[in-house]
């Protein structure tokens, strides 16, 4: 995986350092989006700052990233993420199958 802070369609999983809960999202500018999360400018995460990056995956299109985000926000996707993080280190560059 290349540098996750580049401006490419990216699926990401971040973890709140405050409550240890995770957030799954997608964006076409990860560096900018992470700054928004950590500065409290994202309504759904503003009370949970700061965040650390757990996982990023670059995709070809934003449509693909959004589709993958929706999957990881589903019950099956959440289980897959939980299994992945239990079997790998906290910061991973491996692809989730």
Protein backbone atom coordinates (compact mmCIF):
# COMPACT_ATOMS: atom_id res chain seq x y z
CA UNK A 1 0.00 0.00 0.00
CA UNK A 2 1.28 3.46 -0.78
CA UNK A 3 1.19 6.52 1.46
CA UNK A 4 -2.34 6.72 2.98
CA UNK A 5 -2.18 10.51 3.16
CA UNK A 6 -2.26 10.97 -0.63
CA UNK A 7 -5.37 12.31 -2.39
CA UNK A 8 -6.81 9.08 -3.78
CA UNK A 9 -10.17 7.43 -3.12
CA UNK A 10 -9.59 5.84 0.26
CA UNK A 11 -11.53 3.64 2.64
CA UNK A 12 -10.38 4.22 6.22
CA UNK A 13 -10.92 2.95 9.74
CA UNK A 14 -9.97 5.27 12.58
CA UNK A 15 -10.19 4.73 16.32
CA UNK A 16 -11.09 7.30 18.95
CA UNK A 17 -8.41 7.66 21.60
CA UNK A 18 -11.13 8.89 23.94
CA UNK A 19 -13.54 5.94 23.89
CA UNK A 20 -11.67 3.36 21.73
CA UNK A 21 -14.61 3.07 19.31
CA UNK A 22 -13.94 2.84 15.59
CA UNK A 23 -15.27 4.86 12.67
CA UNK A 24 -15.37 3.67 9.06
CA UNK A 25 -15.39 6.21 6.27
CA UNK A 26 -14.35 6.93 2.70
CA UNK A 27 -13.04 10.02 1.00
CA UNK A 28 -11.13 11.29 -2.01
CA UNK A 29 -8.73 13.28 0.22
CA UNK A 30 -7.76 11.29 3.31
CA UNK A 31 -5.30 13.83 4.73
CA UNK A 32 -7.94 16.57 4.71
CA UNK A 33 -10.65 14.26 6.10
CA UNK A 34 -8.46 13.05 8.98
CA UNK A 35 -7.74 16.68 9.92
CA UNK A 36 -11.50 17.35 9.90
CA UNK A 37 -12.11 14.37 12.23
CA UNK A 38 -9.33 15.39 14.62
CA UNK A 39 -10.37 19.05 14.74
CA UNK A 40 -13.97 18.19 15.66
CA UNK A 41 -15.48 19.39 12.36
CA UNK A 42 -17.27 16.09 11.62
CA UNK A 43 -20.62 15.94 13.40
CA UNK A 44 -20.64 12.17 13.91
CA UNK A 45 -17.17 12.09 15.52
CA UNK A 46 -16.67 15.54 17.06
CA UNK A 47 -17.13 14.35 20.65
CA UNK A 48 -14.66 11.49 20.24
CA UNK A 49 -11.42 13.27 19.23
CA UNK A 50 -8.52 12.55 18.86
CA UNK A 51 -8.30 9.65 16.40
CA UNK A 52 -5.60 7.29 15.26
CA UNK A 53 -5.50 5.49 11.92
CA UNK A 54 -6.13 1.75 12.13
CA UNK A 55 -6.47 0.89 8.46
CA UNK A 56 -6.55 2.51 5.01
CA UNK A 57 -7.20 1.04 1.60
CA UNK A 58 -6.83 2.97 -1.64
CA UNK A 59 -9.35 2.15 -4.34
CA UNK A 60 -9.67 3.10 -8.01
CA UNK A 61 -12.83 5.19 -7.66
CA UNK A 62 -14.74 6.98 -4.94
CA UNK A 63 -17.78 4.88 -5.86
CA UNK A 64 -15.81 1.72 -4.99
CA UNK A 65 -14.66 3.28 -1.71
CA UNK A 66 -18.25 4.22 -0.76
CA UNK A 67 -19.50 0.72 -1.59
CA UNK A 68 -16.82 -0.83 0.59
CA UNK A 69 -17.59 1.66 3.38
CA UNK A 70 -21.25 0.64 3.35
CA UNK A 71 -20.24 -3.02 3.59
CA UNK A 72 -17.96 -2.40 6.58
CA UNK A 73 -20.73 -0.47 8.31
CA UNK A 74 -23.06 -3.49 7.96
CA UNK A 75 -23.23 -6.28 10.52
CA UNK A 76 -21.24 -8.69 8.36
CA UNK A 77 -18.65 -6.02 7.62
CA UNK A 78 -18.26 -5.10 11.29
CA UNK A 79 -17.68 -8.77 12.13
CA UNK A 80 -15.08 -8.99 9.36
CA UNK A 81 -13.26 -5.91 10.70
CA UNK A 82 -13.34 -7.24 14.25
CA UNK A 83 -11.88 -10.56 13.10
CA UNK A 84 -9.22 -8.77 11.05
CA UNK A 85 -8.06 -6.55 13.92
CA UNK A 86 -8.03 -9.45 16.36
CA UNK A 87 -5.69 -11.36 14.02
CA UNK A 88 -3.42 -8.46 12.99
CA UNK A 89 -1.56 -5.56 14.53
CA UNK A 90 -3.36 -2.31 15.40
CA UNK A 91 -1.89 -0.46 12.39
CA UNK A 92 -2.10 -2.66 9.34
CA UNK A 93 -1.17 -2.38 5.71
CA UNK A 94 -2.69 -5.72 4.78
CA UNK A 95 -5.86 -5.94 2.74
CA UNK A 96 -8.97 -7.19 4.46
CA UNK A 97 -10.31 -10.13 2.45
